[in-house]
């Protein structure tokens, strides 16, 4: 088992830099951290974070500061009463140092709700407003998460994929959008779904036109029925009732 873990920790990473694949092994050279996207990273993060949580609770920090930790692997938020945030951050940093871990200071900050917003696990958390203008504390997909999906759709409909069959490209894009919508289904998501649906249709139409050696946007030449019924493009929900729901 230790041999397998070591292999995961020292595995090289292939990144695309300036359009060409480059293999790096920074974790192996520095003997610190895990390779970017390594499958062992979440497991080790949970192992270390369990020690942090045991110390956070066992040393009384949670009860003294009324500070509750919410985490997923190595991403976490400490929720506490106003005025306790500086002390919570100081104690958290001290515990992490004792565990031999470093806190990413560029991504760590104190956010006071509802005046400020913060991002966690792809969602933006903070104060939003309903249709009647009434404020509420809630979530919405972060701008970074939306832009990331659009970039992936753009990359999958670029020139390099012209040799691919339309059914394969549409199936891949449908998988991306379906998975994204399945995860980001909390808060005011319908306007964002509309943006994604419009962008996806535009990119697929343009890709089909360029692939066939034709110019134009394809709006007149390629109807919605061809995209959704013939090619099977996934349609992001248009109504709240169509949003995916967990089974009880």
C-alpha atoms as a PDB file:
ATOM      1  CA  UNK A   1       0.000   0.000   0.000  1.00  0.00           C
ATOM      2  CA  UNK A   2       2.802   2.435   0.883  1.00  0.00           C
ATOM      3  CA  UNK A   3       4.507   1.642  -2.418  1.00  0.00           C
ATOM      4  CA  UNK A   4       1.296   2.471  -4.298  1.00  0.00           C
ATOM      5  CA  UNK A   5       0.840   5.741  -2.384  1.00  0.00           C
ATOM      6  CA  UNK A   6       4.448   6.721  -3.140  1.00  0.00           C
ATOM      7  CA  UNK A   7       3.811   6.054  -6.820  1.00  0.00           C
ATOM      8  CA  UNK A   8       0.818   8.401  -6.775  1.00  0.00           C
ATOM      9  CA  UNK A   9       2.840  11.090  -4.989  1.00  0.00           C
ATOM     10  CA  UNK A  10       5.773  10.970  -7.413  1.00  0.00           C
ATOM     11  CA  UNK A  11       3.804  10.527 -10.645  1.00  0.00           C
ATOM     12  CA  UNK A  12       4.593  13.177 -13.286  1.00  0.00           C
ATOM     13  CA  UNK A  13       1.942  15.573 -14.521  1.00  0.00           C
ATOM     14  CA  UNK A  14       1.306  16.406 -18.178  1.00  0.00           C
ATOM     15  CA  UNK A  15       0.174  19.985 -18.735  1.00  0.00           C
ATOM     16  CA  UNK A  16      -0.543  21.823 -21.979  1.00  0.00           C
ATOM     17  CA  UNK A  17       1.641  24.939 -22.122  1.00  0.00           C
ATOM     18  CA  UNK A  18       1.569  27.180 -25.228  1.00  0.00           C
ATOM     19  CA  UNK A  19      -0.320  24.485 -27.106  1.00  0.00           C
ATOM     20  CA  UNK A  20       2.097  21.630 -26.431  1.00  0.00           C
ATOM     21  CA  UNK A  21       2.111  18.954 -23.714  1.00  0.00           C
ATOM     22  CA  UNK A  22       4.802  19.390 -21.068  1.00  0.00           C
ATOM     23  CA  UNK A  23       5.619  16.759 -18.455  1.00  0.00           C
ATOM     24  CA  UNK A  24       6.562  17.994 -14.994  1.00  0.00           C
ATOM     25  CA  UNK A  25       7.345  16.276 -11.711  1.00  0.00           C
ATOM     26  CA  UNK A  26       7.515  19.159  -9.260  1.00  0.00           C
ATOM     27  CA  UNK A  27       6.122  17.144  -6.328  1.00  0.00           C
ATOM     28  CA  UNK A  28       8.783  14.461  -6.831  1.00  0.00           C
ATOM     29  CA  UNK A  29      11.581  17.032  -7.151  1.00  0.00           C
ATOM     30  CA  UNK A  30      10.502  19.137  -4.179  1.00  0.00           C
ATOM     31  CA  UNK A  31       9.403  16.129  -2.088  1.00  0.00           C
ATOM     32  CA  UNK A  32       6.363  18.166  -1.002  1.00  0.00           C
ATOM     33  CA  UNK A  33       2.712  18.152  -1.940  1.00  0.00           C
ATOM     34  CA  UNK A  34       0.851  15.969  -4.398  1.00  0.00           C
ATOM     35  CA  UNK A  35       0.701  16.142  -8.198  1.00  0.00           C
ATOM     36  CA  UNK A  36      -1.973  18.447  -9.544  1.00  0.00           C
ATOM     37  CA  UNK A  37      -5.146  16.382  -9.913  1.00  0.00           C
ATOM     38  CA  UNK A  38      -3.573  13.349  -8.270  1.00  0.00           C
ATOM     39  CA  UNK A  39      -6.080  10.698  -7.204  1.00  0.00           C
ATOM     40  CA  UNK A  40      -4.402  10.341  -3.805  1.00  0.00           C
ATOM     41  CA  UNK A  41      -4.811  14.027  -2.948  1.00  0.00           C
ATOM     42  CA  UNK A  42      -8.407  13.892  -1.571  1.00  0.00           C
ATOM     43  CA  UNK A  43      -7.629  10.808   0.531  1.00  0.00           C
ATOM     44  CA  UNK A  44      -4.531  12.334   2.136  1.00  0.00           C
ATOM     45  CA  UNK A  45      -6.347  15.644   2.611  1.00  0.00           C
ATOM     46  CA  UNK A  46      -9.139  13.911   4.525  1.00  0.00           C
ATOM     47  CA  UNK A  47      -6.614  12.010   6.662  1.00  0.00           C
ATOM     48  CA  UNK A  48      -4.844  15.206   7.657  1.00  0.00           C
ATOM     49  CA  UNK A  49      -8.038  17.175   8.038  1.00  0.00           C
ATOM     50  CA  UNK A  50      -9.448  14.598  10.406  1.00  0.00           C
ATOM     51  CA  UNK A  51      -6.514  15.330  12.708  1.00  0.00           C
ATOM     52  CA  UNK A  52      -7.249  19.038  12.415  1.00  0.00           C
ATOM     53  CA  UNK A  53     -10.930  18.538  13.278  1.00  0.00           C
ATOM     54  CA  UNK A  54     -10.093  16.353  16.280  1.00  0.00           C
ATOM     55  CA  UNK A  55      -7.763  19.065  17.587  1.00  0.00           C
ATOM     56  CA  UNK A  56     -10.274  21.828  16.809  1.00  0.00           C
ATOM     57  CA  UNK A  57     -12.943  20.072  18.836  1.00  0.00           C
ATOM     58  CA  UNK A  58     -10.714  18.507  21.465  1.00  0.00           C
ATOM     59  CA  UNK A  59      -8.917  21.729  22.379  1.00  0.00           C
ATOM     60  CA  UNK A  60     -12.216  23.549  22.765  1.00  0.00           C
ATOM     61  CA  UNK A  61     -11.831  26.007  19.890  1.00  0.00           C
ATOM     62  CA  UNK A  62     -15.259  25.214  18.499  1.00  0.00           C
ATOM     63  CA  UNK A  63     -17.054  25.809  21.786  1.00  0.00           C
ATOM     64  CA  UNK A  64     -14.960  28.781  22.911  1.00  0.00           C
ATOM     65  CA  UNK A  65     -15.388  30.686  19.650  1.00  0.00           C
ATOM     66  CA  UNK A  66     -18.695  29.141  18.557  1.00  0.00           C
ATOM     67  CA  UNK A  67     -16.776  28.359  15.360  1.00  0.00           C
ATOM     68  CA  UNK A  68     -17.945  25.449  13.232  1.00  0.00           C
ATOM     69  CA  UNK A  69     -15.827  23.964  10.439  1.00  0.00           C
ATOM     70  CA  UNK A  70     -17.383  22.896   7.135  1.00  0.00           C
ATOM     71  CA  UNK A  71     -15.001  21.106   4.795  1.00  0.00           C
ATOM     72  CA  UNK A  72     -14.681  18.993   1.687  1.00  0.00           C
ATOM     73  CA  UNK A  73     -11.223  17.416   1.427  1.00  0.00           C
ATOM     74  CA  UNK A  74      -8.810  20.349   1.873  1.00  0.00           C
ATOM     75  CA  UNK A  75     -11.334  23.118   1.183  1.00  0.00           C
ATOM     76  CA  UNK A  76     -13.001  24.452   4.307  1.00  0.00           C
ATOM     77  CA  UNK A  77     -14.893  27.349   5.818  1.00  0.00           C
ATOM     78  CA  UNK A  78     -15.049  28.273   9.494  1.00  0.00           C
ATOM     79  CA  UNK A  79     -18.431  29.766  10.409  1.00  0.00           C
ATOM     80  CA  UNK A  80     -18.391  31.838  13.585  1.00  0.00           C
ATOM     81  CA  UNK A  81     -20.029  34.769  15.332  1.00  0.00           C
ATOM     82  CA  UNK A  82     -19.061  38.358  14.395  1.00  0.00           C
ATOM     83  CA  UNK A  83     -15.874  39.383  16.151  1.00  0.00           C
ATOM     84  CA  UNK A  84     -14.524  35.836  16.569  1.00  0.00           C
ATOM     85  CA  UNK A  85     -13.105  35.475  13.056  1.00  0.00           C
ATOM     86  CA  UNK A  86      -9.581  36.871  13.752  1.00  0.00           C
ATOM     87  CA  UNK A  87      -9.116  34.529  16.730  1.00  0.00           C
ATOM     88  CA  UNK A  88     -10.470  31.583  14.708  1.00  0.00           C
ATOM     89  CA  UNK A  89      -8.045  32.280  11.862  1.00  0.00           C
ATOM     90  CA  UNK A  90      -5.114  32.598  14.255  1.00  0.00           C
ATOM     91  CA  UNK A  91      -5.901  29.320  16.020  1.00  0.00           C
ATOM     92  CA  UNK A  92      -6.518  27.550  12.718  1.00  0.00           C
ATOM     93  CA  UNK A  93      -3.135  28.668  11.362  1.00  0.00           C
ATOM     94  CA  UNK A  94      -1.387  27.538  14.549  1.00  0.00           C
ATOM     95  CA  UNK A  95      -2.969  24.087  14.387  1.00  0.00           C
ATOM     96  CA  UNK A  96      -2.112  23.688  10.710  1.00  0.00           C
ATOM     97  CA  UNK A  97       1.506  24.578  11.444  1.00  0.00           C
ATOM     98  CA  UNK A  98       1.668  21.963  14.186  1.00  0.00           C
ATOM     99  CA  UNK A  99       0.343  19.394  11.708  1.00  0.00           C
ATOM    100  CA  UNK A 100       3.055  20.331   9.223  1.00  0.00           C
ATOM    101  CA  UNK A 101       0.648  21.944   6.779  1.00  0.00           C
ATOM    102  CA  UNK A 102       0.686  25.343   5.099  1.00  0.00           C
ATOM    103  CA  UNK A 103      -2.382  27.520   4.670  1.00  0.00           C
ATOM    104  CA  UNK A 104      -2.751  29.194   1.275  1.00  0.00           C
ATOM    105  CA  UNK A 105      -2.821  32.806   2.436  1.00  0.00           C
ATOM    106  CA  UNK A 106      -3.849  34.101  -0.997  1.00  0.00           C
ATOM    107  CA  UNK A 107      -7.095  32.117  -0.778  1.00  0.00           C
ATOM    108  CA  UNK A 108      -7.732  32.634   2.937  1.00  0.00           C
ATOM    109  CA  UNK A 109      -9.644  35.657   4.151  1.00  0.00           C
ATOM    110  CA  UNK A 110     -12.288  36.829   6.588  1.00  0.00           C
ATOM    111  CA  UNK A 111     -15.683  37.477   4.983  1.00  0.00           C
ATOM    112  CA  UNK A 112     -18.480  39.115   6.938  1.00  0.00           C
ATOM    113  CA  UNK A 113     -21.942  38.091   5.825  1.00  0.00           C
ATOM    114  CA  UNK A 114     -24.224  39.454   4.526  1.00  0.00           C
ATOM    115  CA  UNK A 115     -22.155  42.468   3.466  1.00  0.00           C
ATOM    116  CA  UNK A 116     -19.584  40.337   1.657  1.00  0.00           C
ATOM    117  CA  UNK A 117     -19.592  37.243  -0.546  1.00  0.00           C
ATOM    118  CA  UNK A 118     -17.277  34.248  -0.641  1.00  0.00           C
ATOM    119  CA  UNK A 119     -16.815  31.233  -2.914  1.00  0.00           C
ATOM    120  CA  UNK A 120     -16.841  27.660  -1.648  1.00  0.00           C
ATOM    121  CA  UNK A 121     -16.879  24.469  -3.730  1.00  0.00           C
ATOM    122  CA  UNK A 122     -17.848  26.366  -6.864  1.00  0.00           C
ATOM    123  CA  UNK A 123     -20.705  28.270  -5.236  1.00  0.00           C
ATOM    124  CA  UNK A 124     -20.847  31.924  -4.269  1.00  0.00           C
ATOM    125  CA  UNK A 125     -22.358  32.316  -0.796  1.00  0.00           C
ATOM    126  CA  UNK A 126     -23.858  35.571   0.421  1.00  0.00           C
ATOM    127  CA  UNK A 127     -26.828  37.872   0.225  1.00  0.00           C
ATOM    128  CA  UNK A 128     -29.077  37.752  -2.817  1.00  0.00           C
ATOM    129  CA  UNK A 129     -32.469  39.185  -3.700  1.00  0.00           C
ATOM    130  CA  UNK A 130     -35.662  37.432  -4.711  1.00  0.00           C
ATOM    131  CA  UNK A 131     -38.156  38.469  -7.373  1.00  0.00           C
ATOM    132  CA  UNK A 132     -39.925  40.705  -4.869  1.00  0.00           C
ATOM    133  CA  UNK A 133     -36.640  42.379  -3.921  1.00  0.00           C
ATOM    134  CA  UNK A 134     -36.486  40.742  -0.505  1.00  0.00           C
ATOM    135  CA  UNK A 135     -32.934  39.839   0.584  1.00  0.00           C
ATOM    136  CA  UNK A 136     -31.925  36.343   1.632  1.00  0.00           C
ATOM    137  CA  UNK A 137     -28.729  34.422   2.413  1.00  0.00           C
ATOM    138  CA  UNK A 138     -28.172  31.812  -0.255  1.00  0.00           C
ATOM    139  CA  UNK A 139     -25.947  30.469  -3.019  1.00  0.00           C
ATOM    140  CA  UNK A 140     -25.437  30.675  -6.741  1.00  0.00           C
ATOM    141  CA  UNK A 141     -22.836  29.170  -9.099  1.00  0.00           C
ATOM    142  CA  UNK A 142     -19.687  31.270  -8.948  1.00  0.00           C
ATOM    143  CA  UNK A 143     -18.496  33.221 -11.970  1.00  0.00           C
ATOM    144  CA  UNK A 144     -15.339  31.128 -12.000  1.00  0.00           C
ATOM    145  CA  UNK A 145     -17.391  27.920 -12.227  1.00  0.00           C
ATOM    146  CA  UNK A 146     -19.502  29.297 -15.091  1.00  0.00           C
ATOM    147  CA  UNK A 147     -16.465  30.544 -17.022  1.00  0.00           C
ATOM    148  CA  UNK A 148     -14.730  27.205 -16.523  1.00  0.00           C
ATOM    149  CA  UNK A 149     -17.630  25.330 -18.121  1.00  0.00           C
ATOM    150  CA  UNK A 150     -17.828  27.769 -21.034  1.00  0.00           C
ATOM    151  CA  UNK A 151     -14.090  27.381 -21.643  1.00  0.00           C
ATOM    152  CA  UNK A 152     -14.459  23.589 -21.766  1.00  0.00           C
ATOM    153  CA  UNK A 153     -17.346  23.850 -24.225  1.00  0.00           C
ATOM    154  CA  UNK A 154     -15.308  26.267 -26.327  1.00  0.00           C
ATOM    155  CA  UNK A 155     -12.299  23.932 -26.330  1.00  0.00           C
ATOM    156  CA  UNK A 156     -14.453  20.925 -27.353  1.00  0.00           C
ATOM    157  CA  UNK A 157     -15.847  22.860 -30.322  1.00  0.00           C
ATOM    158  CA  UNK A 158     -12.525  24.196 -31.561  1.00  0.00           C
ATOM    159  CA  UNK A 159     -10.815  23.424 -34.875  1.00  0.00           C
ATOM    160  CA  UNK A 160      -8.835  20.491 -33.529  1.00  0.00           C
ATOM    161  CA  UNK A 161     -12.078  18.525 -33.127  1.00  0.00           C
ATOM    162  CA  UNK A 162     -13.226  18.921 -36.762  1.00  0.00           C
ATOM    163  CA  UNK A 163     -12.271  15.282 -37.564  1.00  0.00           C
ATOM    164  CA  UNK A 164     -14.538  14.021 -34.786  1.00  0.00           C
ATOM    165  CA  UNK A 165     -18.044  12.801 -35.545  1.00  0.00           C
ATOM    166  CA  UNK A 166     -20.819  15.258 -34.579  1.00  0.00           C
ATOM    167  CA  UNK A 167     -22.507  12.633 -32.420  1.00  0.00           C
ATOM    168  CA  UNK A 168     -19.312  12.130 -30.382  1.00  0.00           C
ATOM    169  CA  UNK A 169     -18.714  15.846 -29.846  1.00  0.00           C
ATOM    170  CA  UNK A 170     -22.333  16.489 -28.898  1.00  0.00           C
ATOM    171  CA  UNK A 171     -22.306  13.505 -26.521  1.00  0.00           C
ATOM    172  CA  UNK A 172     -19.195  14.846 -24.791  1.00  0.00           C
ATOM    173  CA  UNK A 173     -20.626  18.349 -24.471  1.00  0.00           C
ATOM    174  CA  UNK A 174     -23.936  16.947 -23.223  1.00  0.00           C
ATOM    175  CA  UNK A 175     -22.072  15.008 -20.543  1.00  0.00           C
ATOM    176  CA  UNK A 176     -20.270  18.181 -19.422  1.00  0.00           C
ATOM    177  CA  UNK A 177     -23.424  20.292 -19.263  1.00  0.00           C
ATOM    178  CA  UNK A 178     -25.563  17.569 -17.650  1.00  0.00           C
ATOM    179  CA  UNK A 179     -22.997  16.963 -14.910  1.00  0.00           C
ATOM    180  CA  UNK A 180     -22.520  20.688 -14.330  1.00  0.00           C
ATOM    181  CA  UNK A 181     -26.250  21.351 -14.045  1.00  0.00           C
ATOM    182  CA  UNK A 182     -26.666  18.343 -11.776  1.00  0.00           C
ATOM    183  CA  UNK A 183     -24.163  19.804  -9.334  1.00  0.00           C
ATOM    184  CA  UNK A 184     -25.041  23.480  -9.673  1.00  0.00           C
ATOM    185  CA  UNK A 185     -28.777  23.272  -9.032  1.00  0.00           C
ATOM    186  CA  UNK A 186     -29.039  25.440  -5.916  1.00  0.00           C
ATOM    187  CA  UNK A 187     -30.154  29.062  -5.876  1.00  0.00           C
ATOM    188  CA  UNK A 188     -31.145  31.282  -8.847  1.00  0.00           C
ATOM    189  CA  UNK A 189     -29.689  29.013 -11.527  1.00  0.00           C
ATOM    190  CA  UNK A 190     -32.265  29.293 -14.320  1.00  0.00           C
ATOM    191  CA  UNK A 191     -30.787  32.505 -15.842  1.00  0.00           C
ATOM    192  CA  UNK A 192     -27.346  30.869 -15.766  1.00  0.00           C
ATOM    193  CA  UNK A 193     -28.755  27.742 -17.424  1.00  0.00           C
ATOM    194  CA  UNK A 194     -30.190  29.970 -20.153  1.00  0.00           C
ATOM    195  CA  UNK A 195     -26.776  31.545 -20.730  1.00  0.00           C
ATOM    196  CA  UNK A 196     -25.120  28.113 -20.938  1.00  0.00           C
ATOM    197  CA  UNK A 197     -27.808  26.734 -23.252  1.00  0.00           C
ATOM    198  CA  UNK A 198     -27.508  29.709 -25.617  1.00  0.00           C
ATOM    199  CA  UNK A 199     -23.720  29.563 -25.646  1.00  0.00           C
ATOM    200  CA  UNK A 200     -23.700  25.802 -26.252  1.00  0.00           C
ATOM    201  CA  UNK A 201     -26.126  26.051 -29.161  1.00  0.00           C
ATOM    202  CA  UNK A 202     -24.075  28.838 -30.738  1.00  0.00           C
ATOM    203  CA  UNK A 203     -20.771  26.978 -30.381  1.00  0.00           C
ATOM    204  CA  UNK A 204     -22.134  23.649 -31.690  1.00  0.00           C
ATOM    205  CA  UNK A 205     -23.772  25.324 -34.688  1.00  0.00           C
ATOM    206  CA  UNK A 206     -20.591  27.196 -35.525  1.00  0.00           C
ATOM    207  CA  UNK A 207     -18.527  24.008 -35.123  1.00  0.00           C
ATOM    208  CA  UNK A 208     -20.831  22.083 -37.466  1.00  0.00           C
ATOM    209  CA  UNK A 209     -20.689  24.842 -40.075  1.00  0.00           C
ATOM    210  CA  UNK A 210     -16.903  25.203 -39.985  1.00  0.00           C
ATOM    211  CA  UNK A 211     -16.468  21.424 -39.993  1.00  0.00           C
ATOM    212  CA  UNK A 212     -18.494  21.255 -43.220  1.00  0.00           C
ATOM    213  CA  UNK A 213     -16.445  24.073 -44.772  1.00  0.00           C
ATOM    214  CA  UNK A 214     -19.327  26.534 -44.645  1.00  0.00           C
ATOM    215  CA  UNK A 215     -19.427  30.071 -43.328  1.00  0.00           C
ATOM    216  CA  UNK A 216     -21.999  31.698 -41.101  1.00  0.00           C
ATOM    217  CA  UNK A 217     -23.454  31.073 -37.663  1.00  0.00           C
ATOM    218  CA  UNK A 218     -25.646  28.158 -38.715  1.00  0.00           C
ATOM    219  CA  UNK A 219     -28.686  29.643 -37.030  1.00  0.00           C
ATOM    220  CA  UNK A 220     -30.839  29.359 -40.138  1.00  0.00           C
ATOM    221  CA  UNK A 221     -29.272  26.197 -41.506  1.00  0.00           C
ATOM    222  CA  UNK A 222     -29.269  24.121 -38.306  1.00  0.00           C
ATOM    223  CA  UNK A 223     -32.581  24.156 -36.392  1.00  0.00           C
ATOM    224  CA  UNK A 224     -33.016  23.292 -32.728  1.00  0.00           C
ATOM    225  CA  UNK A 225     -34.705  20.024 -33.669  1.00  0.00           C
ATOM    226  CA  UNK A 226     -31.514  18.811 -35.321  1.00  0.00           C
ATOM    227  CA  UNK A 227     -29.388  19.703 -32.296  1.00  0.00           C
ATOM    228  CA  UNK A 228     -31.664  18.245 -29.641  1.00  0.00           C
ATOM    229  CA  UNK A 229     -33.588  15.468 -31.371  1.00  0.00           C
ATOM    230  CA  UNK A 230     -31.169  14.208 -34.019  1.00  0.00           C
ATOM    231  CA  UNK A 231     -27.814  14.763 -32.287  1.00  0.00           C
ATOM    232  CA  UNK A 232     -29.177  14.422 -28.743  1.00  0.00           C
ATOM    233  CA  UNK A 233     -27.761  17.634 -27.273  1.00  0.00           C
ATOM    234  CA  UNK A 234     -28.627  17.930 -23.586  1.00  0.00           C
ATOM    235  CA  UNK A 235     -31.085  20.730 -22.843  1.00  0.00           C
ATOM    236  CA  UNK A 236     -30.471  22.526 -19.552  1.00  0.00           C
ATOM    237  CA  UNK A 237     -33.704  22.865 -17.510  1.00  0.00           C
ATOM    238  CA  UNK A 238     -35.881  25.892 -18.254  1.00  0.00           C
ATOM    239  CA  UNK A 239     -38.228  25.592 -15.262  1.00  0.00           C
ATOM    240  CA  UNK A 240     -37.685  25.186 -11.543  1.00  0.00           C
ATOM    241  CA  UNK A 241     -39.854  22.056 -11.623  1.00  0.00           C
ATOM    242  CA  UNK A 242     -37.418  20.439 -14.082  1.00  0.00           C
ATOM    243  CA  UNK A 243     -34.395  20.760 -11.832  1.00  0.00           C
ATOM    244  CA  UNK A 244     -32.900  17.428 -10.715  1.00  0.00           C
ATOM    245  CA  UNK A 245     -33.890  16.477  -7.185  1.00  0.00           C
ATOM    246  CA  UNK A 246     -32.386  13.997  -4.766  1.00  0.00           C
ATOM    247  CA  UNK A 247     -34.522  10.905  -4.176  1.00  0.00           C
ATOM    248  CA  UNK A 248     -35.859  10.464  -0.656  1.00  0.00           C
END
